[in-house]
N, C-alpha and C. Protein backbone atom coordinates (compact mmCIF):
# COMPACT_ATOMS: atom_id res chain seq x y z
N MET A 1 -30.83 0.31 24.95
CA MET A 1 -29.56 0.67 24.40
C MET A 1 -29.77 1.15 22.96
N SER A 2 -29.21 2.29 22.61
CA SER A 2 -29.36 2.81 21.26
C SER A 2 -28.31 2.21 20.33
N GLU A 3 -28.73 2.03 19.11
CA GLU A 3 -27.84 1.45 18.13
C GLU A 3 -27.26 2.56 17.27
N GLY A 4 -25.94 2.69 17.27
CA GLY A 4 -25.28 3.72 16.49
C GLY A 4 -24.86 3.18 15.13
N LYS A 5 -24.18 4.03 14.40
CA LYS A 5 -23.70 3.61 13.09
C LYS A 5 -22.58 2.59 13.26
N LYS A 6 -22.58 1.62 12.37
CA LYS A 6 -21.51 0.64 12.38
C LYS A 6 -20.40 1.12 11.45
N ARG A 7 -19.19 0.81 11.82
CA ARG A 7 -18.04 1.25 11.06
C ARG A 7 -17.97 0.50 9.73
N LYS A 8 -17.68 1.23 8.66
CA LYS A 8 -17.57 0.63 7.34
C LYS A 8 -16.14 0.15 7.12
N PHE A 9 -16.02 -1.01 6.53
CA PHE A 9 -14.72 -1.53 6.15
C PHE A 9 -14.67 -1.57 4.63
N HIS A 10 -13.66 -0.93 4.06
CA HIS A 10 -13.53 -0.85 2.62
C HIS A 10 -12.43 -1.79 2.14
N THR A 11 -12.66 -2.39 1.00
CA THR A 11 -11.68 -3.30 0.43
C THR A 11 -10.50 -2.51 -0.13
N PRO A 12 -9.35 -3.16 -0.24
CA PRO A 12 -8.20 -2.47 -0.84
C PRO A 12 -8.48 -2.02 -2.28
N GLU A 13 -9.28 -2.78 -3.00
CA GLU A 13 -9.61 -2.40 -4.37
C GLU A 13 -10.41 -1.10 -4.40
N PHE A 14 -11.34 -0.97 -3.46
CA PHE A 14 -12.15 0.24 -3.38
C PHE A 14 -11.28 1.44 -3.03
N LYS A 15 -10.38 1.24 -2.05
CA LYS A 15 -9.49 2.33 -1.64
C LYS A 15 -8.60 2.77 -2.80
N ALA A 16 -8.09 1.80 -3.56
CA ALA A 16 -7.23 2.13 -4.70
C ALA A 16 -8.01 2.89 -5.76
N LYS A 17 -9.24 2.47 -6.00
CA LYS A 17 -10.08 3.15 -6.98
C LYS A 17 -10.32 4.60 -6.60
N VAL A 18 -10.65 4.83 -5.34
CA VAL A 18 -10.91 6.19 -4.85
C VAL A 18 -9.63 7.02 -4.89
N ALA A 19 -8.51 6.43 -4.46
CA ALA A 19 -7.24 7.16 -4.44
C ALA A 19 -6.78 7.52 -5.85
N LEU A 20 -6.96 6.61 -6.79
CA LEU A 20 -6.58 6.91 -8.18
C LEU A 20 -7.44 8.03 -8.75
N GLU A 21 -8.71 8.03 -8.40
CA GLU A 21 -9.59 9.11 -8.84
C GLU A 21 -9.11 10.44 -8.27
N ALA A 22 -8.66 10.43 -7.02
CA ALA A 22 -8.16 11.65 -6.40
C ALA A 22 -6.85 12.10 -7.04
N LEU A 23 -6.01 11.13 -7.42
CA LEU A 23 -4.74 11.48 -8.06
C LEU A 23 -4.92 12.09 -9.43
N ARG A 24 -5.98 11.71 -10.11
CA ARG A 24 -6.23 12.28 -11.44
C ARG A 24 -6.41 13.80 -11.37
N GLY A 25 -7.00 14.27 -10.28
CA GLY A 25 -7.15 15.71 -10.08
C GLY A 25 -8.26 16.35 -10.87
N ILE A 26 -9.12 15.56 -11.46
CA ILE A 26 -10.23 16.12 -12.24
C ILE A 26 -11.31 16.66 -11.32
N LYS A 27 -11.58 15.94 -10.24
CA LYS A 27 -12.60 16.34 -9.28
C LYS A 27 -11.93 16.71 -7.96
N THR A 28 -12.64 17.47 -7.16
CA THR A 28 -12.13 17.81 -5.84
C THR A 28 -12.34 16.63 -4.90
N LEU A 29 -11.65 16.67 -3.76
CA LEU A 29 -11.80 15.61 -2.78
C LEU A 29 -13.23 15.53 -2.26
N ASN A 30 -13.87 16.69 -2.14
CA ASN A 30 -15.27 16.71 -1.69
C ASN A 30 -16.18 16.00 -2.69
N GLU A 31 -15.97 16.26 -3.98
CA GLU A 31 -16.79 15.63 -5.00
C GLU A 31 -16.58 14.12 -5.02
N ILE A 32 -15.33 13.70 -4.89
CA ILE A 32 -15.02 12.27 -4.87
C ILE A 32 -15.63 11.62 -3.64
N GLY A 33 -15.52 12.29 -2.49
CA GLY A 33 -16.11 11.76 -1.27
C GLY A 33 -17.61 11.57 -1.37
N GLN A 34 -18.28 12.53 -1.97
CA GLN A 34 -19.73 12.42 -2.14
C GLN A 34 -20.09 11.31 -3.12
N GLU A 35 -19.29 11.19 -4.16
CA GLU A 35 -19.56 10.18 -5.18
C GLU A 35 -19.44 8.76 -4.62
N PHE A 36 -18.41 8.53 -3.81
CA PHE A 36 -18.15 7.20 -3.29
C PHE A 36 -18.66 6.98 -1.87
N GLY A 37 -19.21 7.99 -1.25
CA GLY A 37 -19.76 7.84 0.10
C GLY A 37 -18.69 7.74 1.17
N VAL A 38 -17.59 8.48 0.99
CA VAL A 38 -16.47 8.46 1.92
C VAL A 38 -16.15 9.90 2.31
N HIS A 39 -15.70 10.09 3.53
CA HIS A 39 -15.36 11.44 3.99
C HIS A 39 -14.17 11.97 3.19
N PRO A 40 -14.18 13.25 2.83
CA PRO A 40 -13.08 13.83 2.04
C PRO A 40 -11.71 13.70 2.70
N ILE A 41 -11.65 13.75 4.02
CA ILE A 41 -10.37 13.59 4.72
C ILE A 41 -9.84 12.17 4.50
N THR A 42 -10.74 11.20 4.50
CA THR A 42 -10.34 9.82 4.25
C THR A 42 -9.81 9.67 2.83
N VAL A 43 -10.44 10.33 1.88
CA VAL A 43 -9.98 10.31 0.49
C VAL A 43 -8.56 10.88 0.43
N GLY A 44 -8.32 11.96 1.14
CA GLY A 44 -6.99 12.56 1.17
C GLY A 44 -5.95 11.64 1.78
N HIS A 45 -6.33 10.91 2.82
CA HIS A 45 -5.40 9.95 3.44
C HIS A 45 -5.05 8.83 2.47
N TRP A 46 -6.06 8.32 1.78
CA TRP A 46 -5.83 7.23 0.83
C TRP A 46 -4.97 7.70 -0.34
N LYS A 47 -5.20 8.93 -0.78
CA LYS A 47 -4.40 9.50 -1.87
C LYS A 47 -2.94 9.63 -1.45
N LYS A 48 -2.71 10.14 -0.25
CA LYS A 48 -1.35 10.30 0.27
C LYS A 48 -0.67 8.95 0.42
N GLU A 49 -1.40 7.97 0.93
CA GLU A 49 -0.84 6.63 1.13
C GLU A 49 -0.47 6.00 -0.21
N LEU A 50 -1.30 6.20 -1.22
CA LEU A 50 -1.01 5.67 -2.55
C LEU A 50 0.25 6.31 -3.12
N GLN A 51 0.41 7.60 -2.95
CA GLN A 51 1.59 8.29 -3.45
C GLN A 51 2.85 7.79 -2.76
N GLU A 52 2.77 7.54 -1.45
CA GLU A 52 3.94 7.09 -0.70
C GLU A 52 4.29 5.64 -1.01
N GLN A 53 3.29 4.81 -1.25
CA GLN A 53 3.53 3.39 -1.46
C GLN A 53 3.74 3.02 -2.93
N ALA A 54 3.54 3.94 -3.85
CA ALA A 54 3.65 3.63 -5.27
C ALA A 54 5.07 3.19 -5.65
N LYS A 55 6.07 3.72 -4.99
CA LYS A 55 7.45 3.36 -5.35
C LYS A 55 7.75 1.89 -5.04
N THR A 56 7.06 1.30 -4.09
CA THR A 56 7.32 -0.09 -3.73
C THR A 56 6.82 -1.06 -4.80
N LEU A 57 5.96 -0.60 -5.69
CA LEU A 57 5.48 -1.46 -6.76
C LEU A 57 6.60 -1.88 -7.70
N PHE A 58 7.61 -1.04 -7.84
CA PHE A 58 8.67 -1.29 -8.80
C PHE A 58 9.97 -1.75 -8.16
N GLU A 59 9.97 -1.97 -6.87
CA GLU A 59 11.16 -2.46 -6.20
C GLU A 59 11.22 -3.97 -6.32
N GLY A 60 12.42 -4.51 -6.42
CA GLY A 60 12.61 -5.95 -6.41
C GLY A 60 12.20 -6.66 -7.68
N LYS A 61 12.07 -5.97 -8.78
CA LYS A 61 11.67 -6.61 -10.03
C LYS A 61 12.84 -7.29 -10.73
N ARG A 62 14.05 -7.09 -10.26
CA ARG A 62 15.23 -7.64 -10.92
C ARG A 62 15.73 -8.91 -10.28
N GLY A 63 14.93 -9.57 -9.54
CA GLY A 63 15.34 -10.81 -8.91
C GLY A 63 15.83 -10.60 -7.50
N PRO A 64 16.32 -11.67 -6.88
CA PRO A 64 16.77 -11.56 -5.50
C PRO A 64 18.04 -10.70 -5.40
N THR A 65 18.21 -10.08 -4.25
CA THR A 65 19.39 -9.27 -4.05
C THR A 65 20.60 -10.18 -3.88
N PRO A 66 21.74 -9.82 -4.46
CA PRO A 66 22.92 -10.67 -4.37
C PRO A 66 23.47 -10.73 -2.95
N ILE A 67 24.02 -11.87 -2.61
CA ILE A 67 24.63 -12.04 -1.30
C ILE A 67 26.04 -11.47 -1.35
N ALA A 68 26.41 -10.77 -0.31
CA ALA A 68 27.75 -10.18 -0.27
C ALA A 68 28.80 -11.28 -0.35
N ALA A 69 29.90 -11.04 -1.08
CA ALA A 69 30.94 -12.05 -1.31
C ALA A 69 31.60 -12.48 -0.01
N HIS A 70 31.76 -11.56 0.94
CA HIS A 70 32.43 -11.92 2.18
C HIS A 70 31.55 -12.77 3.10
N ARG A 71 30.27 -12.87 2.82
CA ARG A 71 29.37 -13.64 3.66
C ARG A 71 29.12 -15.04 3.10
N GLU A 72 29.49 -15.28 1.83
CA GLU A 72 29.21 -16.58 1.21
C GLU A 72 29.83 -17.75 1.97
N PRO A 73 31.13 -17.71 2.32
CA PRO A 73 31.70 -18.85 3.05
C PRO A 73 31.00 -19.07 4.39
N GLU A 74 30.66 -17.99 5.05
CA GLU A 74 29.97 -18.11 6.34
C GLU A 74 28.64 -18.83 6.18
N LEU A 75 27.89 -18.46 5.14
CA LEU A 75 26.61 -19.11 4.88
C LEU A 75 26.80 -20.56 4.48
N LEU A 76 27.83 -20.81 3.69
CA LEU A 76 28.09 -22.17 3.25
C LEU A 76 28.40 -23.08 4.44
N TYR A 77 29.29 -22.62 5.32
CA TYR A 77 29.67 -23.44 6.46
C TYR A 77 28.52 -23.58 7.47
N SER A 78 27.69 -22.60 7.56
CA SER A 78 26.55 -22.72 8.47
C SER A 78 25.57 -23.77 7.94
N GLU A 79 25.42 -23.85 6.62
CA GLU A 79 24.55 -24.86 6.04
C GLU A 79 25.16 -26.26 6.22
N ILE A 80 26.47 -26.38 6.07
CA ILE A 80 27.13 -27.68 6.25
C ILE A 80 26.96 -28.13 7.68
N GLY A 81 27.10 -27.20 8.62
CA GLY A 81 26.93 -27.56 10.03
C GLY A 81 25.53 -28.05 10.34
N LYS A 82 24.54 -27.50 9.65
CA LYS A 82 23.15 -27.90 9.89
C LYS A 82 22.88 -29.30 9.32
N LEU A 83 23.53 -29.62 8.22
CA LEU A 83 23.28 -30.90 7.59
C LEU A 83 23.89 -32.02 8.42
């Protein structure tokens, strides 16, 4: 039985580092791929994923979302029933 290449697993830190390098735009995806030993298409996927997920970093920083006023009594009575 021949032994083929084993699949590489990259840490999230490594992926973020590569994606940030791609976002800077100083080097091409091919250059970044060669530098880090990753296929350029993979670099492009990580860059796109970072751009799409970046907005979630700043969501929810203002505390928990308020409970709607019309649902408060319902929640209160459900808790009383459980106790």
